[in-house]
Protein backbone atom coordinates (compact mmCIF):
# COMPACT_ATOMS: atom_id res chain seq x y z
CA MET A 1 -3.73 3.36 -9.82
CA LEU A 2 -2.58 0.38 -7.78
CA ASP A 3 -2.95 -3.25 -8.78
CA ILE A 4 -6.01 -4.67 -7.00
CA LYS A 5 -4.09 -7.94 -6.55
CA LEU A 6 -1.49 -6.14 -4.43
CA ILE A 7 -4.19 -4.81 -2.11
CA ARG A 8 -5.93 -8.20 -1.88
CA GLU A 9 -2.73 -10.09 -1.10
CA HIS A 10 -0.69 -7.48 0.80
CA PRO A 11 -2.96 -4.75 2.24
CA GLU A 12 -0.33 -4.05 4.92
CA ILE A 13 2.06 -2.73 2.25
CA VAL A 14 -0.48 -0.10 1.16
CA LYS A 15 -1.39 0.80 4.75
CA ASN A 16 2.27 1.23 5.77
CA ASP A 17 2.84 3.38 2.71
CA LEU A 18 -0.08 5.63 3.66
CA LYS A 19 1.48 6.09 7.10
CA LYS A 20 4.73 7.19 5.46
CA ARG A 21 2.81 9.70 3.38
CA LYS A 22 1.09 11.08 6.51
CA GLU A 23 -2.28 10.04 5.03
CA GLU A 24 -3.51 7.84 7.86
CA GLU A 25 -7.12 8.87 7.17
CA LYS A 26 -6.97 6.82 3.95
CA ILE A 27 -6.07 3.58 5.74
CA GLN A 28 -9.74 2.83 6.31
CA TRP A 29 -10.25 3.15 2.55
CA VAL A 30 -8.16 0.00 2.11
CA ASP A 31 -10.50 -1.99 4.37
CA GLU A 32 -13.55 -0.52 2.62
CA LEU A 33 -12.08 -1.42 -0.77
CA LEU A 34 -11.44 -5.02 0.33
CA LYS A 35 -15.02 -5.26 1.60
CA TYR A 36 -16.51 -3.93 -1.66
CA ASP A 37 -14.16 -6.09 -3.70
CA LYS A 38 -15.27 -9.19 -1.78
CA GLU A 39 -18.94 -8.33 -2.36
CA TRP A 40 -18.26 -7.74 -6.06
CA ARG A 41 -16.49 -11.10 -6.47
CA GLN A 42 -19.26 -12.93 -4.56
CA ASN A 43 -21.89 -11.37 -6.81
CA ILE A 44 -19.93 -12.28 -9.95
CA ASN A 45 -19.64 -15.85 -8.66
CA LYS A 46 -23.40 -16.03 -8.05
CA ILE A 47 -24.10 -14.62 -11.51
CA ASN A 48 -21.85 -17.26 -13.10
CA GLN A 49 -23.54 -20.01 -11.11
CA LEU A 50 -27.00 -18.84 -12.19
CA ARG A 51 -25.91 -18.61 -15.83
CA GLN A 52 -24.49 -22.11 -15.65
CA LYS A 53 -27.68 -23.39 -14.07
CA ARG A 54 -29.80 -21.69 -16.73
CA ASN A 55 -27.70 -23.23 -19.50
CA GLU A 56 -27.87 -26.69 -17.96
CA VAL A 57 -31.65 -26.54 -17.41
CA THR A 58 -32.21 -25.06 -20.88
CA GLN A 59 -30.27 -27.92 -22.40
CA LYS A 60 -32.25 -30.42 -20.34
CA ILE A 61 -35.55 -28.83 -21.47
CA ALA A 62 -34.50 -29.16 -25.10
CA GLU A 63 -33.69 -32.83 -24.61
CA LEU A 64 -37.03 -33.54 -22.86
CA LYS A 65 -38.99 -31.69 -25.53
CA LYS A 66 -37.47 -33.93 -28.17
CA LYS A 67 -38.93 -36.85 -26.22
CA ASN A 68 -42.32 -35.06 -25.87
CA LYS A 69 -41.99 -35.02 -22.07
CA ASP A 70 -43.39 -32.45 -19.65
CA VAL A 71 -40.98 -29.54 -18.95
CA SER A 72 -43.31 -27.26 -16.94
CA ASP A 73 -41.42 -27.78 -13.65
CA LEU A 74 -38.11 -26.97 -15.30
CA LEU A 75 -39.55 -23.83 -16.89
CA LYS A 76 -40.70 -22.70 -13.44
CA GLU A 77 -37.21 -23.45 -12.11
CA ILE A 78 -35.50 -21.01 -14.49
CA LYS A 79 -38.30 -18.45 -14.84
CA ASN A 80 -36.85 -16.02 -12.28
CA ILE A 81 -33.19 -16.51 -13.14
CA PRO A 82 -33.00 -13.53 -15.58
CA ASP A 83 -34.39 -11.19 -12.90
CA GLN A 84 -31.99 -12.62 -10.31
CA ILE A 85 -29.05 -12.13 -12.65
CA LYS A 86 -30.12 -8.57 -13.45
CA LYS A 87 -30.35 -7.69 -9.74
CA LEU A 88 -26.95 -9.24 -9.01
CA GLU A 89 -25.39 -7.43 -11.99
CA GLN A 90 -26.72 -4.10 -10.73
CA ASP A 91 -25.32 -4.78 -7.26
CA ALA A 92 -22.01 -5.94 -8.72
CA GLU A 93 -21.72 -2.75 -10.79
CA LYS A 94 -22.30 -0.63 -7.67
CA TYR A 95 -19.56 -2.46 -5.79
CA LYS A 96 -17.23 -2.20 -8.78
CA GLU A 97 -17.77 1.56 -8.97
CA LYS A 98 -16.95 1.89 -5.26
CA VAL A 99 -13.79 -0.19 -5.70
CA THR A 100 -12.69 1.87 -8.71
CA LYS A 101 -13.32 5.18 -6.95
CA ILE A 102 -11.09 4.18 -4.03
CA LEU A 103 -8.44 2.71 -6.34
CA MET A 104 -8.28 5.99 -8.26
CA GLN A 105 -7.64 7.92 -5.05
CA LEU A 106 -5.09 5.70 -3.34
CA PRO A 107 -1.54 6.96 -4.00
CA ASN A 108 1.30 5.13 -5.69
CA ILE A 109 3.61 2.87 -3.67
CA LEU A 110 6.71 4.78 -2.61
CA ASP A 111 10.19 3.76 -3.67
CA PRO A 112 12.28 2.65 -0.65
CA SER A 113 14.76 5.48 -1.31
CA VAL A 114 12.15 8.22 -0.72
CA PRO A 115 13.08 10.03 2.53
CA TYR A 116 10.54 10.23 5.33
CA GLY A 117 9.14 13.69 6.04
CA VAL A 118 6.09 15.86 6.63
CA ASP A 119 6.44 18.65 4.04
CA ASP A 120 8.90 20.33 1.66
CA HIS A 121 11.14 21.36 4.55
CA ASP A 122 12.03 17.68 4.94
CA ASN A 123 13.14 17.18 1.34
CA VAL A 124 16.74 15.93 1.26
CA GLU A 125 19.35 17.80 -0.76
CA ILE A 126 21.32 15.49 -3.06
CA ARG A 127 23.66 17.99 -4.69
CA ARG A 128 24.06 21.58 -5.78
CA TRP A 129 25.88 23.17 -8.68
CA GLY A 130 27.44 26.62 -9.03
CA LYS A 131 29.10 29.06 -6.66
CA PRO A 132 27.07 31.32 -4.32
CA LEU A 133 25.86 34.58 -5.84
CA LYS A 134 28.03 37.62 -5.07
CA PHE A 135 27.09 41.15 -6.07
CA ASP A 136 28.96 44.42 -5.45
CA PHE A 137 25.59 46.17 -5.49
CA GLU A 138 22.14 45.66 -3.97
CA PRO A 139 20.52 43.00 -6.21
CA LYS A 140 16.95 43.42 -7.41
CA ASN A 141 14.26 40.79 -7.91
CA HIS A 142 13.31 39.76 -11.43
CA LEU A 143 10.11 41.80 -11.53
CA GLU A 144 11.94 45.03 -10.65
CA ILE A 145 14.62 44.23 -13.23
CA ALA A 146 12.12 43.50 -16.02
CA GLU A 147 9.98 46.55 -15.20
CA ASN A 148 13.03 48.83 -15.16
CA LEU A 149 13.99 47.46 -18.56
CA GLY A 150 10.45 48.15 -19.83
CA MET A 151 10.03 44.52 -20.84
CA ILE A 152 7.10 43.45 -18.67
CA ASP A 153 3.70 45.01 -18.00
CA SER A 154 1.65 43.62 -15.13
CA LYS A 155 -0.80 46.50 -14.75
CA ARG A 156 -2.22 46.32 -18.25
CA ALA A 157 -2.32 42.50 -18.10
CA ALA A 158 -4.28 42.71 -14.84
CA LYS A 159 -6.64 45.20 -16.51
CA VAL A 160 -7.55 42.80 -19.31
CA ALA A 161 -7.15 39.37 -17.65
CA GLY A 162 -6.71 39.81 -13.89
CA HIS A 163 -3.96 39.00 -11.42
CA GLY A 164 -1.41 36.36 -12.40
CA PHE A 165 -0.99 37.41 -16.05
CA PHE A 166 1.72 39.51 -17.73
CA TYR A 167 2.57 41.14 -21.00
CA ILE A 168 6.16 40.02 -21.66
CA LYS A 169 7.68 42.27 -24.30
CA ASP A 170 10.57 43.08 -26.56
CA ASP A 171 13.88 41.29 -25.92
CA LEU A 172 12.56 39.50 -22.82
CA ALA A 173 9.90 37.87 -25.01
CA LEU A 174 12.63 36.98 -27.52
CA LEU A 175 14.70 35.55 -24.67
CA GLU A 176 11.81 33.25 -23.74
CA GLN A 177 11.58 32.06 -27.34
CA SER A 178 15.34 31.55 -27.37
CA LEU A 179 15.08 29.37 -24.27
CA ILE A 180 12.41 27.29 -26.00
CA ARG A 181 14.43 26.80 -29.20
CA PHE A 182 17.65 26.04 -27.32
CA THR A 183 15.92 23.45 -25.12
CA ILE A 184 14.12 21.75 -28.01
CA ASP A 185 17.35 21.52 -30.02
CA PHE A 186 19.16 20.18 -26.93
CA MET A 187 16.58 17.45 -26.32
CA ILE A 188 16.32 16.43 -29.99
CA LYS A 189 20.09 15.86 -30.01
CA ARG A 190 19.57 13.47 -27.09
CA GLY A 191 17.11 11.37 -29.05
CA TYR A 192 13.76 12.78 -27.87
CA VAL A 193 10.93 13.27 -30.36
CA PHE A 194 9.54 16.81 -30.38
CA VAL A 195 5.75 16.99 -29.91
CA ILE A 196 3.27 19.86 -29.76
CA PRO A 197 0.31 18.20 -27.99
CA PRO A 198 -3.36 19.21 -27.79
CA TYR A 199 -3.86 22.08 -25.37
CA MET A 200 -7.15 20.59 -24.14
CA LEU A 201 -8.13 17.16 -22.84
CA HIS A 202 -11.36 15.23 -22.27
CA LYS A 203 -12.20 14.17 -18.72
CA LYS A 204 -11.42 10.48 -19.35
CA PRO A 205 -7.69 10.97 -20.09
CA TYR A 206 -7.47 13.56 -17.32
CA LEU A 207 -8.79 10.99 -14.86
CA GLY A 208 -5.99 8.76 -16.12
CA VAL A 209 -3.08 11.14 -15.71
CA THR A 210 -3.94 12.63 -12.33
CA ASP A 211 -6.38 12.67 -9.44
CA LEU A 212 -9.05 15.17 -10.52
CA GLU A 213 -10.40 15.33 -6.96
CA PHE A 214 -6.98 16.62 -5.85
CA PHE A 215 -5.83 18.47 -8.99
CA GLY A 216 -9.19 19.46 -10.46
CA ASP A 217 -9.33 22.80 -8.66
CA GLN A 218 -6.20 23.81 -10.58
CA LEU A 219 -7.79 23.24 -13.99
CA TYR A 220 -9.77 25.55 -16.22
CA LYS A 221 -12.91 23.77 -17.48
CA ILE A 222 -14.40 24.76 -20.85
CA GLU A 223 -18.03 25.65 -20.12
CA GLY A 224 -20.52 23.29 -21.75
CA GLU A 225 -17.76 21.05 -23.18
CA ASP A 226 -16.05 17.86 -22.08
CA LEU A 227 -12.73 19.68 -22.22
CA TYR A 228 -10.12 21.04 -19.82
CA LEU A 229 -7.24 23.39 -20.62
CA ILE A 230 -4.06 21.47 -19.85
CA ALA A 231 -1.97 22.32 -16.78
CA THR A 232 1.19 20.80 -18.28
CA ALA A 233 2.25 19.00 -21.47
CA GLU A 234 2.81 15.93 -19.27
CA HIS A 235 -0.94 15.24 -19.28
CA PRO A 236 -1.59 15.01 -23.05
CA LEU A 237 1.76 13.26 -23.55
CA ALA A 238 0.89 10.64 -20.91
CA SER A 239 -2.50 9.96 -22.48
CA MET A 240 -1.16 9.79 -26.04
CA PHE A 241 -1.25 5.96 -26.02
CA MET A 242 -4.38 5.54 -23.88
CA ASP A 243 -6.04 2.11 -24.36
CA GLU A 244 -3.18 0.90 -26.57
CA VAL A 245 -0.65 -1.95 -26.44
CA ILE A 246 2.92 -1.00 -27.40
CA ASP A 247 5.36 -3.51 -28.86
CA LYS A 248 8.39 -4.11 -26.63
CA LYS A 249 10.75 -3.36 -29.52
CA ASP A 250 9.36 0.20 -29.69
CA LEU A 251 10.20 0.99 -26.06
CA PRO A 252 11.38 3.26 -24.62
CA ILE A 253 9.44 6.06 -26.29
CA LYS A 254 11.10 9.40 -25.45
CA LEU A 255 9.16 12.60 -26.06
CA VAL A 256 9.76 16.28 -25.45
CA GLY A 257 6.61 18.40 -25.57
CA LEU A 258 6.06 22.14 -25.72
CA SER A 259 2.83 23.72 -24.53
CA PRO A 260 1.32 26.64 -22.71
CA CYS A 261 0.16 25.65 -19.23
CA PHE A 262 -3.01 26.97 -17.60
CA ARG A 263 -3.49 26.79 -13.82
CA LYS A 264 -5.83 28.46 -11.38
CA GLU A 265 -3.17 28.06 -8.67
CA VAL A 266 -5.81 27.54 -6.00
CA GLY A 267 -4.22 26.84 -2.64
CA ALA A 268 -1.01 28.76 -3.41
CA HIS A 269 -1.49 30.95 -0.34
CA GLY A 270 1.62 31.05 1.82
CA LYS A 271 3.85 29.98 -1.07
CA TYR A 272 6.29 32.15 -2.99
CA THR A 273 4.17 33.89 -5.62
CA LYS A 274 6.20 36.92 -6.65
CA GLY A 275 6.17 38.00 -10.29
CA LEU A 276 6.67 35.26 -12.87
CA PHE A 277 7.09 32.45 -10.35
CA ARG A 278 3.45 31.39 -10.03
CA MET A 279 1.21 32.40 -12.92
CA HIS A 280 -2.08 31.32 -14.45
CA GLN A 281 -0.43 30.99 -17.87
CA PHE A 282 3.14 30.04 -18.77
CA HIS A 283 5.11 27.90 -21.21
CA LYS A 284 6.87 24.67 -20.35
CA ILE A 285 8.91 22.07 -22.17
CA GLU A 286 8.25 18.62 -20.74
CA GLN A 287 10.24 15.40 -21.02
CA PHE A 288 8.16 12.21 -21.07
CA ILE A 289 9.10 8.52 -21.35
CA PHE A 290 7.14 5.28 -21.80
CA CYS A 291 9.33 2.29 -20.95
CA LEU A 292 9.59 -1.29 -19.74
CA PRO A 293 9.23 -1.64 -15.95
CA LYS A 294 12.84 -2.77 -15.49
CA ASP A 295 14.16 0.39 -17.19
CA SER A 296 12.34 3.10 -15.26
CA PRO A 297 14.90 3.63 -12.43
CA LYS A 298 17.72 4.15 -14.95
CA LEU A 299 15.61 6.45 -17.14
CA HIS A 300 14.55 8.46 -14.09
CA GLU A 301 18.22 9.35 -13.63
CA GLU A 302 18.55 10.12 -17.35
CA LEU A 303 15.70 12.63 -17.17
CA GLN A 304 17.36 14.28 -14.19
CA LYS A 305 20.71 14.52 -15.98
CA ASN A 306 19.00 16.16 -18.97
CA SER A 307 17.57 18.93 -16.79
CA GLU A 308 20.79 19.51 -14.92
CA ASP A 309 22.82 19.61 -18.12
CA LEU A 310 20.42 22.24 -19.47
CA TYR A 311 20.86 24.45 -16.40
CA LYS A 312 24.61 23.94 -16.48
CA ALA A 313 24.67 24.99 -20.13
CA LEU A 314 22.73 28.11 -19.17
CA GLY A 315 25.19 28.75 -16.33
CA LEU A 316 22.38 28.84 -13.75
CA ARG A 317 23.08 27.76 -10.17
CA TYR A 318 20.73 25.08 -8.87
CA ARG A 319 20.31 22.25 -6.39
CA VAL A 320 18.48 18.90 -6.49
CA VAL A 321 16.37 17.46 -3.67
CA ASN A 322 14.90 14.01 -3.13
CA VAL A 323 11.25 14.80 -2.34
CA CYS A 324 10.07 13.35 0.96
CA THR A 325 7.08 11.11 1.70
CA GLY A 326 4.88 13.99 2.87
CA ASP A 327 5.48 16.20 -0.17
CA ILE A 328 5.57 13.78 -3.10
CA GLY A 329 1.92 13.73 -4.29
CA ILE A 330 -0.09 10.66 -5.21
CA ILE A 331 1.15 9.89 -8.75
CA ALA A 332 4.90 9.49 -8.25
CA SER A 333 6.75 6.59 -6.66
CA LYS A 334 9.89 8.73 -6.47
CA LYS A 335 10.48 12.38 -7.31
CA TYR A 336 13.37 14.79 -7.60
CA ASP A 337 12.86 18.55 -7.58
CA THR A 338 15.34 20.85 -9.27
CA GLU A 339 15.51 24.21 -7.50
CA ILE A 340 17.12 27.32 -8.93
CA LEU A 341 19.07 29.85 -6.88
CA MET A 342 17.40 33.25 -6.85
CA GLY A 343 18.71 36.71 -6.11
CA ASP A 344 17.61 36.60 -2.48
CA GLY A 345 19.79 33.54 -1.87
CA GLN A 346 16.88 31.07 -1.71
CA TYR A 347 16.47 27.96 -3.85
CA ARG A 348 13.01 27.52 -5.38
CA GLU A 349 11.53 24.77 -7.54
CA VAL A 350 11.82 25.03 -11.31
CA GLY A 351 11.03 21.43 -12.22
CA SER A 352 9.89 18.06 -10.91
CA ASN A 353 11.12 14.68 -12.12
CA SER A 354 8.76 11.79 -11.35
CA ASN A 355 8.96 8.04 -11.82
CA CYS A 356 5.28 7.08 -11.84
CA THR A 357 6.02 3.35 -12.33
CA ASP A 358 2.84 1.67 -13.70
CA TYR A 359 0.45 3.95 -11.77
CA GLN A 360 -0.53 6.26 -14.67
CA ALA A 361 -0.35 3.47 -17.25
CA ARG A 362 -2.79 1.33 -15.26
CA ARG A 363 -5.25 4.25 -15.09
CA LEU A 364 -4.81 4.97 -18.80
CA ASN A 365 -4.70 1.26 -19.80
CA ILE A 366 -1.35 1.46 -21.61
CA LYS A 367 0.30 -1.96 -21.90
CA PHE A 368 3.23 -3.59 -23.70
CA ARG A 369 3.66 -6.97 -25.40
CA GLU A 370 6.76 -9.03 -25.99
CA LYS A 371 6.14 -9.48 -29.74
CA PRO A 372 3.59 -8.20 -32.28
CA GLY A 373 0.39 -10.24 -32.20
CA GLN A 374 0.96 -11.53 -28.69
CA PRO A 375 -1.30 -10.67 -25.73
CA PRO A 376 -0.19 -7.89 -23.36
CA ALA A 377 2.62 -8.80 -20.95
CA GLY A 378 1.97 -5.98 -18.50
CA PHE A 379 1.69 -2.23 -18.05
CA VAL A 380 4.41 0.16 -19.18
CA HIS A 381 6.09 2.57 -16.77
CA THR A 382 5.78 6.33 -17.30
CA LEU A 383 8.19 9.08 -16.28
CA ASN A 384 8.02 12.84 -16.64
CA ASN A 385 10.32 15.74 -15.92
CA THR A 386 10.31 19.43 -16.66
CA ALA A 387 13.01 20.29 -19.16
CA ILE A 388 12.43 24.05 -18.88
CA ALA A 389 9.59 26.06 -17.35
CA THR A 390 10.33 29.26 -19.23
CA SER A 391 8.95 31.74 -16.71
CA ARG A 392 10.90 30.34 -13.76
CA THR A 393 14.04 29.95 -15.85
CA LEU A 394 13.70 33.59 -16.90
CA ILE A 395 13.67 34.46 -13.20
CA GLY A 396 16.98 32.65 -12.81
CA ILE A 397 18.54 34.48 -15.76
CA LEU A 398 17.28 37.91 -14.70
CA GLU A 399 18.34 37.53 -11.07
CA GLN A 400 21.60 35.60 -11.49
CA TYR A 401 22.86 37.54 -14.53
CA GLN A 402 21.78 41.07 -13.44
CA GLN A 403 24.39 43.81 -13.80
CA LYS A 404 25.06 46.91 -11.72
CA ASP A 405 23.80 49.22 -14.51
CA GLY A 406 20.42 47.43 -14.62
CA SER A 407 21.16 45.40 -17.73
CA VAL A 408 21.12 41.59 -17.82
CA LYS A 409 23.80 39.44 -19.43
CA ILE A 410 22.35 36.80 -21.79
CA PRO A 411 23.72 33.26 -21.23
CA ASP A 412 26.31 32.49 -23.91
CA VAL A 413 24.38 29.49 -25.31
CA LEU A 414 21.38 31.73 -26.02
CA VAL A 415 23.28 34.50 -27.81
CA PRO A 416 23.02 32.78 -31.24
CA TYR A 417 19.25 32.47 -30.73
CA MET A 418 19.12 36.21 -29.86
CA ASN A 419 20.74 37.17 -33.18
CA GLY A 420 24.04 37.90 -31.44
CA LYS A 421 22.60 40.14 -28.72
CA LYS A 422 24.55 39.70 -25.45
CA PHE A 423 22.65 41.91 -23.00
CA LEU A 424 19.10 42.93 -22.19
CA VAL A 425 19.20 46.73 -22.00
CA LYS A 426 16.65 49.48 -21.58
CA LYS A 427 15.77 51.14 -24.88
């Protein structure tokens, strides 16, 4: 969330940012927050004044009693102070809750380099890699390819779990595991610590990593438990150091996490949903960094290079876009999307790379200190980027590497992980 001091001192910055995001309806929230914040501070001031008065009078009573003097008037003077304090504390807590609720829903401040736009059509292409796809036959989509190979079963998955689930079988399942092992090895060589995080989170950390009012409809809640199935490894990785202070010498902390991801995908109507592209369950390898504020712009570019180097190693054509103000979401200050080229000639998102600055860390209360034993110096910055979303990367392999005979060439870097197998073929 945002620093309350920023809103108190420069509310125009937040309001102008909301205009850029096309969220003008939230501008009034800023004024409401300032009003509640003022009431809260006035109540706290009154409480402190009453406590001071009570202490002073109590001390005076003690002195008079030692001299055997009458203190009845002074006792009357402070008799109602506890009730007054209690009432003011209750009012202050109500105002504080209102302030916190608005703070948790106001989006991060945008980086100046974020392009202005309304939706994903206004995202600005930065670069693309790889030549256009050329086939001397009519290319198929990944679902047709996988079904013809006998390596995917959507009908039986729908029978037992519903739409949006698949049985992935045989060498296609091995190919997914090969992608996972290749990516983990790749990231470990670059100095990232491999983590398998919890696959469920309590509500408190989830409120820290994202806006549950916005993202909550995507999550699967465990009935009768304070637990949610995670939508991405980013969320448990981000909350790993919740309510902790990290020594400066230990930063940056670079993690790469593997997890299944569970999403209801509510609101996906009108988006590309074919086959493996948008599922309720998939695997993803996530990059995550905790760092000093001054280092986050540089590390944002490092995360992007990692993803692009992975796709280059796989020989998969892609492009990168700078996500515009109307499409960026509330957590990120700046975001790149990596989009893979599919068989129909369209680029579609396979990963998002976000610099969240101190927005998540402030919500999760993750700070850093200059030296051990010293008080906190500020909040860390957090960054996250998809290394590989296996299902969408499989789409790229199936559609870009498809052959005229229906087989699929396996990217060279994955052949050792496939025990030397070079093609997916029907058995």
